Structure formats: C-alpha cells, structure tokens
Amino acid sequence: GYLPHYTADISGVFELAERPDHKGKCLHQVIKAGAQSWA
C-alpha cells in the first residue's frame, strides 16, 4: 500500500519510494502544499 509497517500518518502522506539518487528505497512525504482537510 506504499506504506511501511508501523508508521501512522497524522498529517500528510509518508510513502515508500525510490531515493532521489536512485541508491535504494526510502520514505517520501509527498504532499507539498497540504490538502483540503476535513479537520
């Protein structure tokens, strides 16, 4: 689900992704400018 085990995103989205230097995998917070949040 693009989500690592045991993390709980409270705001934003922290997804499994390729490192920007292409040297393996990492976690990427992908929401640049927030969302239209309910709360």
Full PDB file with SEQRES, HELIX, SHEET, SSBOND, CRYST1, ORIGX, SCALE, CONECT and MASTER records, all heavy atoms in Angstrom:
SEQRES   1 A   39  GLY TYR LEU PRO HIS TYR THR ALA ASP ILE SER GLY VAL          
SEQRES   2 A   39  PHE GLU LEU ALA GLU ARG PRO ASP HIS LYS GLY LYS CYS          
SEQRES   3 A   39  LEU HIS GLN VAL ILE LYS ALA GLY ALA GLN SER TRP ALA          
SHEET    1 AA1 2 PHE A  14  GLU A  18  0                                        
SHEET    2 AA1 2 LYS A  25  GLN A  29 -1                                        
CRYST1    1.000    1.000    1.000  90.00  90.00  90.00 P 1           1          
ORIGX1      1.000000  0.000000  0.000000        0.00000                         
ORIGX2      0.000000  1.000000  0.000000        0.00000                         
ORIGX3      0.000000  0.000000  1.000000        0.00000                         
SCALE1      1.000000  0.000000  0.000000        0.00000                         
SCALE2      0.000000  1.000000  0.000000        0.00000                         
SCALE3      0.000000  0.000000  1.000000        0.00000                         
ATOM      1  N   GLY A   1       0.806  -1.211   0.000  1.00  0.00           N  
ATOM      2  CA  GLY A   1       0.000   0.000   0.000  1.00  0.00           C  
ATOM      3  C   GLY A   1       0.838   1.259   0.000  1.00  0.00           C  
ATOM      4  O   GLY A   1       0.357   2.340   0.319  1.00  0.00           O  
ATOM      5  N   TYR A   2       2.126   1.126  -0.345  1.00  0.00           N  
ATOM      6  CA  TYR A   2       3.103   2.220  -0.351  1.00  0.00           C  
ATOM      7  C   TYR A   2       3.378   2.763   1.052  1.00  0.00           C  
ATOM      8  O   TYR A   2       3.970   3.832   1.194  1.00  0.00           O  
ATOM      9  CB  TYR A   2       2.670   3.356  -1.289  1.00  0.00           C  
ATOM     10  CG  TYR A   2       2.714   2.964  -2.743  1.00  0.00           C  
ATOM     11  CD1 TYR A   2       1.629   2.342  -3.342  1.00  0.00           C  
ATOM     12  CD2 TYR A   2       3.856   3.184  -3.509  1.00  0.00           C  
ATOM     13  CE1 TYR A   2       1.670   1.948  -4.681  1.00  0.00           C  
ATOM     14  CE2 TYR A   2       3.913   2.789  -4.844  1.00  0.00           C  
ATOM     15  CZ  TYR A   2       2.817   2.168  -5.419  1.00  0.00           C  
ATOM     16  OH  TYR A   2       2.870   1.763  -6.726  1.00  0.00           O  
ATOM     17  N   LEU A   3       2.983   2.002   2.064  1.00  0.00           N  
ATOM     18  CA  LEU A   3       3.172   2.447   3.444  1.00  0.00           C  
ATOM     19  C   LEU A   3       4.038   1.444   4.197  1.00  0.00           C  
ATOM     20  O   LEU A   3       3.764   0.239   4.160  1.00  0.00           O  
ATOM     21  CB  LEU A   3       1.820   2.587   4.149  1.00  0.00           C  
ATOM     22  CG  LEU A   3       0.827   3.566   3.524  1.00  0.00           C  
ATOM     23  CD1 LEU A   3      -0.507   3.495   4.247  1.00  0.00           C  
ATOM     24  CD2 LEU A   3       1.375   4.987   3.547  1.00  0.00           C  
ATOM     25  N   PRO A   4       5.056   1.897   4.907  1.00  0.00           N  
ATOM     26  CA  PRO A   4       5.862   0.973   5.700  1.00  0.00           C  
ATOM     27  C   PRO A   4       5.092   0.488   6.914  1.00  0.00           C  
ATOM     28  O   PRO A   4       4.088   1.080   7.308  1.00  0.00           O  
ATOM     29  CB  PRO A   4       7.064   1.828   6.110  1.00  0.00           C  
ATOM     30  CG  PRO A   4       6.507   3.205   6.178  1.00  0.00           C  
ATOM     31  CD  PRO A   4       5.483   3.300   5.079  1.00  0.00           C  
ATOM     32  N   HIS A   5       5.579  -0.578   7.502  1.00  0.00           N  
ATOM     33  CA  HIS A   5       4.952  -1.070   8.718  1.00  0.00           C  
ATOM     34  C   HIS A   5       5.119  -0.073   9.866  1.00  0.00           C  
ATOM     35  O   HIS A   5       6.163   0.569  10.016  1.00  0.00           O  
ATOM     36  CB  HIS A   5       5.566  -2.406   9.134  1.00  0.00           C  
ATOM     37  CG  HIS A   5       5.167  -3.537   8.236  1.00  0.00           C  
ATOM     38  ND1 HIS A   5       3.924  -3.645   7.662  1.00  0.00           N  
ATOM     39  CD2 HIS A   5       5.848  -4.634   7.810  1.00  0.00           C  
ATOM     40  CE1 HIS A   5       3.854  -4.737   6.938  1.00  0.00           C  
ATOM     41  NE2 HIS A   5       5.021  -5.353   7.000  1.00  0.00           N  
ATOM     42  N   TYR A   6       4.043   0.042  10.643  1.00  0.00           N  
ATOM     43  CA  TYR A   6       4.037   0.678  11.965  1.00  0.00           C  
ATOM     44  C   TYR A   6       4.023   2.202  11.974  1.00  0.00           C  
ATOM     45  O   TYR A   6       3.840   2.795  13.030  1.00  0.00           O  
ATOM     46  CB  TYR A   6       5.216   0.194  12.832  1.00  0.00           C  
ATOM     47  CG  TYR A   6       5.410  -1.300  12.864  1.00  0.00           C  
ATOM     48  CD1 TYR A   6       6.666  -1.866  13.037  1.00  0.00           C  
ATOM     49  CD2 TYR A   6       4.320  -2.163  12.725  1.00  0.00           C  
ATOM     50  CE1 TYR A   6       6.850  -3.246  13.077  1.00  0.00           C  
ATOM     51  CE2 TYR A   6       4.489  -3.546  12.750  1.00  0.00           C  
ATOM     52  CZ  TYR A   6       5.754  -4.082  12.927  1.00  0.00           C  
ATOM     53  OH  TYR A   6       5.931  -5.443  12.954  1.00  0.00           O  
ATOM     54  N   THR A   7       4.226   2.875  10.851  1.00  0.00           N  
ATOM     55  CA  THR A   7       4.070   4.328  10.878  1.00  0.00           C  
ATOM     56  C   THR A   7       2.592   4.670  10.756  1.00  0.00           C  
ATOM     57  O   THR A   7       1.828   3.975  10.093  1.00  0.00           O  
ATOM     58  CB  THR A   7       4.854   5.016   9.743  1.00  0.00           C  
ATOM     59  OG1 THR A   7       4.404   4.505   8.478  1.00  0.00           O  
ATOM     60  CG2 THR A   7       6.344   4.795   9.891  1.00  0.00           C  
ATOM     61  N   ALA A   8       2.191   5.751  11.400  1.00  0.00           N  
ATOM     62  CA  ALA A   8       0.810   6.229  11.324  1.00  0.00           C  
ATOM     63  C   ALA A   8       0.852   7.700  10.915  1.00  0.00           C  
ATOM     64  O   ALA A   8       1.232   8.560  11.712  1.00  0.00           O  
ATOM     65  CB  ALA A   8       0.107   6.058  12.661  1.00  0.00           C  
ATOM     66  N   ASP A   9       0.480   7.971   9.678  1.00  0.00           N  
ATOM     67  CA  ASP A   9       0.492   9.343   9.173  1.00  0.00           C  
ATOM     68  C   ASP A   9      -0.639  10.131   9.825  1.00  0.00           C  
ATOM     69  O   ASP A   9      -1.809   9.769   9.708  1.00  0.00           O  
ATOM     70  CB  ASP A   9       0.316   9.365   7.657  1.00  0.00           C  
ATOM     71  CG  ASP A   9       1.446   8.666   6.921  1.00  0.00           C  
ATOM     72  OD1 ASP A   9       2.472   8.369   7.554  1.00  0.00           O  
ATOM     73  OD2 ASP A   9       1.290   8.408   5.705  1.00  0.00           O  
ATOM     74  N   ILE A  10      -0.284  11.213  10.485  1.00  0.00           N  
ATOM     75  CA  ILE A  10      -1.291  12.059  11.132  1.00  0.00           C  
ATOM     76  C   ILE A  10      -1.674  13.212  10.207  1.00  0.00           C  
ATOM     77  O   ILE A  10      -2.836  13.579  10.090  1.00  0.00           O  
ATOM     78  CB  ILE A  10      -0.773  12.598  12.477  1.00  0.00           C  
ATOM     79  CG1 ILE A  10      -0.280  11.438  13.363  1.00  0.00           C  
ATOM     80  CG2 ILE A  10      -1.864  13.387  13.180  1.00  0.00           C  
ATOM     81  CD1 ILE A  10      -1.326  10.397  13.678  1.00  0.00           C  
ATOM     82  N   SER A  11      -0.699  13.755   9.534  1.00  0.00           N  
ATOM     83  CA  SER A  11      -0.944  14.800   8.538  1.00  0.00           C  
ATOM     84  C   SER A  11       0.048  14.573   7.404  1.00  0.00           C  
ATOM     85  O   SER A  11       1.208  14.241   7.645  1.00  0.00           O  
ATOM     86  CB  SER A  11      -0.744  16.188   9.150  1.00  0.00           C  
ATOM     87  OG  SER A  11      -1.002  17.209   8.217  1.00  0.00           O  
ATOM     88  N   GLY A  12      -0.392  14.744   6.159  1.00  0.00           N  
ATOM     89  CA  GLY A  12       0.481  14.428   5.038  1.00  0.00           C  
ATOM     90  C   GLY A  12       0.503  12.936   4.756  1.00  0.00           C  
ATOM     91  O   GLY A  12      -0.229  12.147   5.361  1.00  0.00           O  
ATOM     92  N   VAL A  13       1.373  12.526   3.828  1.00  0.00           N  
ATOM     93  CA  VAL A  13       1.462  11.122   3.424  1.00  0.00           C  
ATOM     94  C   VAL A  13       2.930  10.752   3.260  1.00  0.00           C  
ATOM     95  O   VAL A  13       3.631  11.326   2.424  1.00  0.00           O  
ATOM     96  CB  VAL A  13       0.708  10.864   2.100  1.00  0.00           C  
ATOM     97  CG1 VAL A  13       0.893   9.419   1.654  1.00  0.00           C  
ATOM     98  CG2 VAL A  13      -0.775  11.191   2.256  1.00  0.00           C  
ATOM     99  N   PHE A  14       3.389   9.788   4.048  1.00  0.00           N  
ATOM    100  CA  PHE A  14       4.770   9.321   4.014  1.00  0.00           C  
ATOM    101  C   PHE A  14       4.790   7.964   3.311  1.00  0.00           C  
ATOM    102  O   PHE A  14       4.416   6.937   3.901  1.00  0.00           O  
ATOM    103  CB  PHE A  14       5.333   9.221   5.426  1.00  0.00           C  
ATOM    104  CG  PHE A  14       5.509  10.552   6.106  1.00  0.00           C  
ATOM    105  CD1 PHE A  14       4.407  11.271   6.582  1.00  0.00           C  
ATOM    106  CD2 PHE A  14       6.770  11.107   6.268  1.00  0.00           C  
ATOM    107  CE1 PHE A  14       4.568  12.499   7.207  1.00  0.00           C  
ATOM    108  CE2 PHE A  14       6.944  12.339   6.894  1.00  0.00           C  
ATOM    109  CZ  PHE A  14       5.842  13.043   7.359  1.00  0.00           C  
ATOM    110  N   GLU A  15       5.225   7.962   2.031  1.00  0.00           N  
ATOM    111  CA  GLU A  15       5.129   6.778   1.185  1.00  0.00           C  
ATOM    112  C   GLU A  15       6.488   6.154   0.910  1.00  0.00           C  
ATOM    113  O   GLU A  15       7.513   6.856   0.824  1.00  0.00           O  
ATOM    114  CB  GLU A  15       4.485   7.138  -0.159  1.00  0.00           C  
ATOM    115  CG  GLU A  15       3.035   7.543  -0.064  1.00  0.00           C  
ATOM    116  CD  GLU A  15       2.411   7.758  -1.440  1.00  0.00           C  
ATOM    117  OE1 GLU A  15       3.161   7.784  -2.443  1.00  0.00           O  
ATOM    118  OE2 GLU A  15       1.186   7.896  -1.509  1.00  0.00           O  
ATOM    119  N   LEU A  16       6.479   4.841   0.697  1.00  0.00           N  
ATOM    120  CA  LEU A  16       7.665   4.141   0.222  1.00  0.00           C  
ATOM    121  C   LEU A  16       7.975   4.603  -1.196  1.00  0.00           C  
ATOM    122  O   LEU A  16       7.081   4.717  -2.034  1.00  0.00           O  
ATOM    123  CB  LEU A  16       7.420   2.629   0.240  1.00  0.00           C  
ATOM    124  CG  LEU A  16       7.216   2.002   1.621  1.00  0.00           C  
ATOM    125  CD1 LEU A  16       6.644   0.584   1.479  1.00  0.00           C  
ATOM    126  CD2 LEU A  16       8.520   1.964   2.402  1.00  0.00           C  
ATOM    127  N   ALA A  17       9.253   4.894  -1.460  1.00  0.00           N  
ATOM    128  CA  ALA A  17       9.632   5.440  -2.766  1.00  0.00           C  
ATOM    129  C   ALA A  17      11.095   5.134  -3.051  1.00  0.00           C  
ATOM    130  O   ALA A  17      11.838   4.685  -2.180  1.00  0.00           O  
ATOM    131  CB  ALA A  17       9.401   6.954  -2.790  1.00  0.00           C  
ATOM    132  N   GLU A  18      11.495   5.397  -4.296  1.00  0.00           N  
ATOM    133  CA  GLU A  18      12.900   5.328  -4.663  1.00  0.00           C  
ATOM    134  C   GLU A  18      13.611   6.572  -4.145  1.00  0.00           C  
ATOM    135  O   GLU A  18      13.053   7.666  -4.143  1.00  0.00           O  
ATOM    136  CB  GLU A  18      13.052   5.240  -6.180  1.00  0.00           C  
ATOM    137  CG  GLU A  18      12.626   3.910  -6.776  1.00  0.00           C  
ATOM    138  CD  GLU A  18      13.542   2.774  -6.380  1.00  0.00           C  
ATOM    139  OE1 GLU A  18      14.779   2.989  -6.313  1.00  0.00           O  
ATOM    140  OE2 GLU A  18      13.016   1.669  -6.112  1.00  0.00           O  
ATOM    141  N   ARG A  19      14.832   6.387  -3.683  1.00  0.00           N  
ATOM    142  CA  ARG A  19      15.628   7.549  -3.296  1.00  0.00           C  
ATOM    143  C   ARG A  19      15.863   8.435  -4.519  1.00  0.00           C  
ATOM    144  O   ARG A  19      15.986   7.937  -5.650  1.00  0.00           O  
ATOM    145  CB  ARG A  19      16.974   7.094  -2.733  1.00  0.00           C  
ATOM    146  CG  ARG A  19      16.912   6.518  -1.337  1.00  0.00           C  
ATOM    147  CD  ARG A  19      18.228   5.868  -0.948  1.00  0.00           C  
ATOM    148  NE  ARG A  19      19.358   6.792  -1.030  1.00  0.00           N  
ATOM    149  CZ  ARG A  19      20.034   7.278   0.011  1.00  0.00           C  
ATOM    150  NH1 ARG A  19      19.664   6.936   1.242  1.00  0.00           N  
ATOM    151  NH2 ARG A  19      21.065   8.077  -0.146  1.00  0.00           N  
ATOM    152  N   PRO A  20      15.935   9.745  -4.326  1.00  0.00           N  
ATOM    153  CA  PRO A  20      16.183  10.633  -5.470  1.00  0.00           C  
ATOM    154  C   PRO A  20      17.541  10.404  -6.131  1.00  0.00           C  
ATOM    155  O   PRO A  20      17.721  10.759  -7.301  1.00  0.00           O  
ATOM    156  CB  PRO A  20      16.076  12.037  -4.869  1.00  0.00           C  
ATOM    157  CG  PRO A  20      16.180  11.862  -3.402  1.00  0.00           C  
ATOM    158  CD  PRO A  20      15.682  10.499  -3.085  1.00  0.00           C  
ATOM    159  N   ASP A  21      18.499   9.787  -5.395  1.00  0.00           N  
ATOM    160  CA  ASP A  21      19.797   9.478  -6.004  1.00  0.00           C  
ATOM    161  C   ASP A  21      19.825   8.058  -6.569  1.00  0.00           C  
ATOM    162  O   ASP A  21      20.871   7.569  -7.005  1.00  0.00           O  
ATOM    163  CB  ASP A  21      20.927   9.651  -4.979  1.00  0.00           C  
ATOM    164  CG  ASP A  21      20.721   8.813  -3.721  1.00  0.00           C  
ATOM    165  OD1 ASP A  21      19.816   7.943  -3.720  1.00  0.00           O  
ATOM    166  OD2 ASP A  21      21.449   9.028  -2.730  1.00  0.00           O  
ATOM    167  N   HIS A  22      18.647   7.395  -6.547  1.00  0.00           N  
ATOM    168  CA  HIS A  22      18.492   6.047  -7.109  1.00  0.00           C  
ATOM    169  C   HIS A  22      19.416   5.023  -6.445  1.00  0.00           C  
ATOM    170  O   HIS A  22      19.825   4.046  -7.069  1.00  0.00           O  
ATOM    171  CB  HIS A  22      18.725   6.060  -8.622  1.00  0.00           C  
ATOM    172  CG  HIS A  22      17.868   7.040  -9.354  1.00  0.00           C  
ATOM    173  ND1 HIS A  22      16.515   6.896  -9.477  1.00  0.00           N  
ATOM    174  CD2 HIS A  22      18.186   8.228  -9.967  1.00  0.00           C  
ATOM    175  CE1 HIS A  22      16.010   7.931 -10.147  1.00  0.00           C  
ATOM    176  NE2 HIS A  22      17.000   8.745 -10.446  1.00  0.00           N  
ATOM    177  N   LYS A  23      19.707   5.211  -5.165  1.00  0.00           N  
ATOM    178  CA  LYS A  23      20.564   4.293  -4.433  1.00  0.00           C  
ATOM    179  C   LYS A  23      19.763   3.484  -3.403  1.00  0.00           C  
ATOM    180  O   LYS A  23      20.215   3.253  -2.286  1.00  0.00           O  
ATOM    181  CB  LYS A  23      21.682   5.062  -3.736  1.00  0.00           C  
ATOM    182  CG  LYS A  23      22.672   5.707  -4.698  1.00  0.00           C  
ATOM    183  CD  LYS A  23      23.785   6.412  -3.941  1.00  0.00           C  
ATOM    184  CE  LYS A  23      24.796   7.032  -4.910  1.00  0.00           C  
ATOM    185  NZ  LYS A  23      25.889   7.747  -4.187  1.00  0.00           N  
ATOM    186  N   GLY A  24      18.590   3.059  -3.799  1.00  0.00           N  
ATOM    187  CA  GLY A  24      17.780   2.241  -2.910  1.00  0.00           C  
ATOM    188  C   GLY A  24      16.429   2.871  -2.627  1.00  0.00           C  
ATOM    189  O   GLY A  24      15.962   3.762  -3.345  1.00  0.00           O  
ATOM    190  N   LYS A  25      15.805   2.415  -1.553  1.00  0.00           N  
ATOM    191  CA  LYS A  25      14.462   2.867  -1.204  1.00  0.00           C  
ATOM    192  C   LYS A  25      14.504   3.776   0.020  1.00  0.00           C  
ATOM    193  O   LYS A  25      15.464   3.769   0.794  1.00  0.00           O  
ATOM    194  CB  LYS A  25      13.560   1.661  -0.951  1.00  0.00           C  
ATOM    195  CG  LYS A  25      13.379   0.767  -2.180  1.00  0.00           C  
ATOM    196  CD  LYS A  25      12.392  -0.334  -1.906  1.00  0.00           C  
ATOM    197  CE  LYS A  25      12.242  -1.231  -3.131  1.00  0.00           C  
ATOM    198  NZ  LYS A  25      11.738  -0.507  -4.307  1.00  0.00           N  
ATOM    199  N   CYS A  26      13.435   4.539   0.174  1.00  0.00           N  
ATOM    200  CA  CYS A  26      13.337   5.473   1.298  1.00  0.00           C  
ATOM    201  C   CYS A  26      11.877   5.760   1.566  1.00  0.00           C  
ATOM    202  O   CYS A  26      10.987   5.137   0.986  1.00  0.00           O  
ATOM    203  CB  CYS A  26      14.108   6.764   0.980  1.00  0.00           C  
ATOM    204  SG  CYS A  26      13.354   7.760  -0.340  1.00  0.00           S  
ATOM    205  N   LEU A  27      11.647   6.710   2.429  1.00  0.00           N  
ATOM    206  CA  LEU A  27      10.300   7.182   2.721  1.00  0.00           C  
ATOM    207  C   LEU A  27      10.186   8.616   2.215  1.00  0.00           C  
ATOM    208  O   LEU A  27      11.074   9.437   2.454  1.00  0.00           O  
ATOM    209  CB  LEU A  27      10.049   7.128   4.233  1.00  0.00           C  
ATOM    210  CG  LEU A  27       8.601   6.989   4.711  1.00  0.00           C  
ATOM    211  CD1 LEU A  27       7.950   5.756   4.125  1.00  0.00           C  
ATOM    212  CD2 LEU A  27       8.565   6.935   6.237  1.00  0.00           C  
ATOM    213  N   HIS A  28       9.107   8.914   1.497  1.00  0.00           N  
ATOM    214  CA  HIS A  28       8.935  10.220   0.872  1.00  0.00           C  
ATOM    215  C   HIS A  28       7.626  10.839   1.352  1.00  0.00           C  
ATOM    216  O   HIS A  28       6.550  10.241   1.175  1.00  0.00           O  
ATOM    217  CB  HIS A  28       8.907  10.061  -0.657  1.00  0.00           C  
ATOM    218  CG  HIS A  28       8.792  11.344  -1.409  1.00  0.00           C  
ATOM    219  ND1 HIS A  28       8.369  11.408  -2.724  1.00  0.00           N  
ATOM    220  CD2 HIS A  28       9.050  12.639  -1.047  1.00  0.00           C  
ATOM    221  CE1 HIS A  28       8.378  12.663  -3.136  1.00  0.00           C  
ATOM    222  NE2 HIS A  28       8.783  13.432  -2.134  1.00  0.00           N  
ATOM    223  N   GLN A  29       7.713  11.999   1.968  1.00  0.00           N  
ATOM    224  CA  GLN A  29       6.494  12.760   2.289  1.00  0.00           C  
ATOM    225  C   GLN A  29       6.117  13.503   1.020  1.00  0.00           C  
ATOM    226  O   GLN A  29       6.799  14.421   0.588  1.00  0.00           O  
ATOM    227  CB  GLN A  29       6.733  13.729   3.442  1.00  0.00           C  
ATOM    228  CG  GLN A  29       5.451  14.227   4.118  1.00  0.00           C  
ATOM    229  CD  GLN A  29       4.529  15.044   3.235  1.00  0.00           C  
ATOM    230  OE1 GLN A  29       3.441  14.588   2.850  1.00  0.00           O  
ATOM    231  NE2 GLN A  29       4.958  16.246   2.878  1.00  0.00           N  
ATOM    232  N   VAL A  30       4.978  13.130   0.417  1.00  0.00           N  
ATOM    233  CA  VAL A  30       4.687  13.532  -0.961  1.00  0.00           C  
ATOM    234  C   VAL A  30       3.764  14.734  -1.091  1.00  0.00           C  
ATOM    235  O   VAL A  30       3.614  15.283  -2.187  1.00  0.00           O  
ATOM    236  CB  VAL A  30       4.078  12.348  -1.742  1.00  0.00           C  
ATOM    237  CG1 VAL A  30       5.066  11.191  -1.807  1.00  0.00           C  
ATOM    238  CG2 VAL A  30       2.763  11.884  -1.099  1.00  0.00           C  
ATOM    239  N   ILE A  31       3.114  15.160  -0.010  1.00  0.00           N  
ATOM    240  CA  ILE A  31       2.130  16.239  -0.121  1.00  0.00           C  
ATOM    241  C   ILE A  31       2.838  17.572   0.071  1.00  0.00           C  
ATOM    242  O   ILE A  31       3.193  17.947   1.195  1.00  0.00           O  
ATOM    243  CB  ILE A  31       0.997  16.056   0.916  1.00  0.00           C  
ATOM    244  CG1 ILE A  31       0.424  14.642   0.827  1.00  0.00           C  
ATOM    245  CG2 ILE A  31      -0.078  17.103   0.705  1.00  0.00           C  
ATOM    246  CD1 ILE A  31      -0.107  14.274  -0.549  1.00  0.00           C  
ATOM    247  N   LYS A  32       3.013  18.286  -1.002  1.00  0.00           N  
ATOM    248  CA  LYS A  32       3.806  19.514  -0.962  1.00  0.00           C  
ATOM    249  C   LYS A  32       3.085  20.675  -0.301  1.00  0.00           C  
ATOM    250  O   LYS A  32       3.689  21.443   0.445  1.00  0.00           O  
ATOM    251  CB  LYS A  32       4.215  19.915  -2.381  1.00  0.00           C  
ATOM    252  CG  LYS A  32       5.186  18.955  -3.047  1.00  0.00           C  
ATOM    253  CD  LYS A  32       5.622  19.496  -4.401  1.00  0.00           C  
ATOM    254  CE  LYS A  32       6.649  18.580  -5.059  1.00  0.00           C  
ATOM    255  NZ  LYS A  32       7.123  19.126  -6.349  1.00  0.00           N  
ATOM    256  N   ALA A  33       1.820  20.828  -0.618  1.00  0.00           N  
ATOM    257  CA  ALA A  33       1.125  22.043  -0.188  1.00  0.00           C  
ATOM    258  C   ALA A  33      -0.134  21.759   0.617  1.00  0.00           C  
ATOM    259  O   ALA A  33      -1.079  22.540   0.621  1.00  0.00           O  
ATOM    260  CB  ALA A  33       0.777  22.888  -1.406  1.00  0.00           C  
ATOM    261  N   GLY A  34      -0.157  20.642   1.324  1.00  0.00           N  
ATOM    262  CA  GLY A  34      -1.311  20.331   2.146  1.00  0.00           C  
ATOM    263  C   GLY A  34      -2.488  19.824   1.337  1.00  0.00           C  
ATOM    264  O   GLY A  34      -2.387  19.563   0.139  1.00  0.00           O  
ATOM    265  N   ALA A  35      -3.612  19.669   1.999  1.00  0.00           N  
ATOM    266  CA  ALA A  35      -4.826  19.160   1.377  1.00  0.00           C  
ATOM    267  C   ALA A  35      -6.006  20.006   1.828  1.00  0.00           C  
ATOM    268  O   ALA A  35      -5.876  20.879   2.692  1.00  0.00           O  
ATOM    269  CB  ALA A  35      -5.038  17.705   1.773  1.00  0.00           C  
ATOM    270  N   GLN A  36      -7.154  19.764   1.213  1.00  0.00           N  
ATOM    271  CA  GLN A  36      -8.394  20.362   1.706  1.00  0.00           C  
ATOM    272  C   GLN A  36      -8.906  19.451   2.826  1.00  0.00           C  
ATOM    273  O   GLN A  36      -9.737  18.577   2.614  1.00  0.00           O  
ATOM    274  CB  GLN A  36      -9.410  20.471   0.576  1.00  0.00           C  
ATOM    275  CG  GLN A  36      -8.969  21.377  -0.567  1.00  0.00           C  
ATOM    276  CD  GLN A  36     -10.012  21.488  -1.658  1.00  0.00           C  
ATOM    277  OE1 GLN A  36     -11.173  21.821  -1.404  1.00  0.00           O  
ATOM    278  NE2 GLN A  36      -9.599  21.228  -2.894  1.00  0.00           N  
ATOM    279  N   SER A  37      -8.362  19.660   4.014  1.00  0.00           N  
ATOM    280  CA  SER A  37      -8.607  18.749   5.129  1.00  0.00           C  
ATOM    281  C   SER A  37      -9.986  18.963   5.741  1.00  0.00           C  
ATOM    282  O   SER A  37     -10.490  20.089   5.806  1.00  0.00           O  
ATOM    283  CB  SER A  37      -7.538  18.934   6.210  1.00  0.00           C  
ATOM    284  OG  SER A  37      -6.297  18.440   5.776  1.00  0.00           O  
ATOM    285  N   TRP A  38     -10.551  17.861   6.207  1.00  0.00           N  
ATOM    286  CA  TRP A  38     -11.828  17.932   6.913  1.00  0.00           C  
ATOM    287  C   TRP A  38     -11.646  18.657   8.242  1.00  0.00           C  
ATOM    288  O   TRP A  38     -12.468  19.477   8.635  1.00  0.00           O  
ATOM    289  CB  TRP A  38     -12.344  16.511   7.147  1.00  0.00           C  
ATOM    290  CG  TRP A  38     -13.563  16.441   7.998  1.00  0.00           C  
ATOM    291  CD1 TRP A  38     -14.856  16.596   7.584  1.00  0.00           C  
ATOM    292  CD2 TRP A  38     -13.627  16.196   9.403  1.00  0.00           C  
ATOM    293  NE1 TRP A  38     -15.721  16.472   8.655  1.00  0.00           N  
ATOM    294  CE2 TRP A  38     -14.995  16.221   9.776  1.00  0.00           C  
ATOM    295  CE3 TRP A  38     -12.669  15.954  10.386  1.00  0.00           C  
ATOM    296  CZ2 TRP A  38     -15.411  16.017  11.090  1.00  0.00           C  
ATOM    297  CZ3 TRP A  38     -13.082  15.752  11.697  1.00  0.00           C  
ATOM    298  CH2 TRP A  38     -14.443  15.784  12.041  1.00  0.00           C  
ATOM    299  N   ALA A  39     -10.560  18.329   8.933  1.00  0.00           N  
ATOM    300  CA  ALA A  39     -10.235  18.979  10.203  1.00  0.00           C  
ATOM    301  C   ALA A  39      -9.087  19.950   9.981  1.00  0.00           C  
ATOM    302  O   ALA A  39      -8.337  19.816   9.009  1.00  0.00           O  
ATOM    303  CB  ALA A  39      -9.848  17.932  11.245  1.00  0.00           C  
TER     304      ALA A  39                                                      
MASTER        0    0    0    0    2    0    0    6  303    1    0    3          
END                                                                             
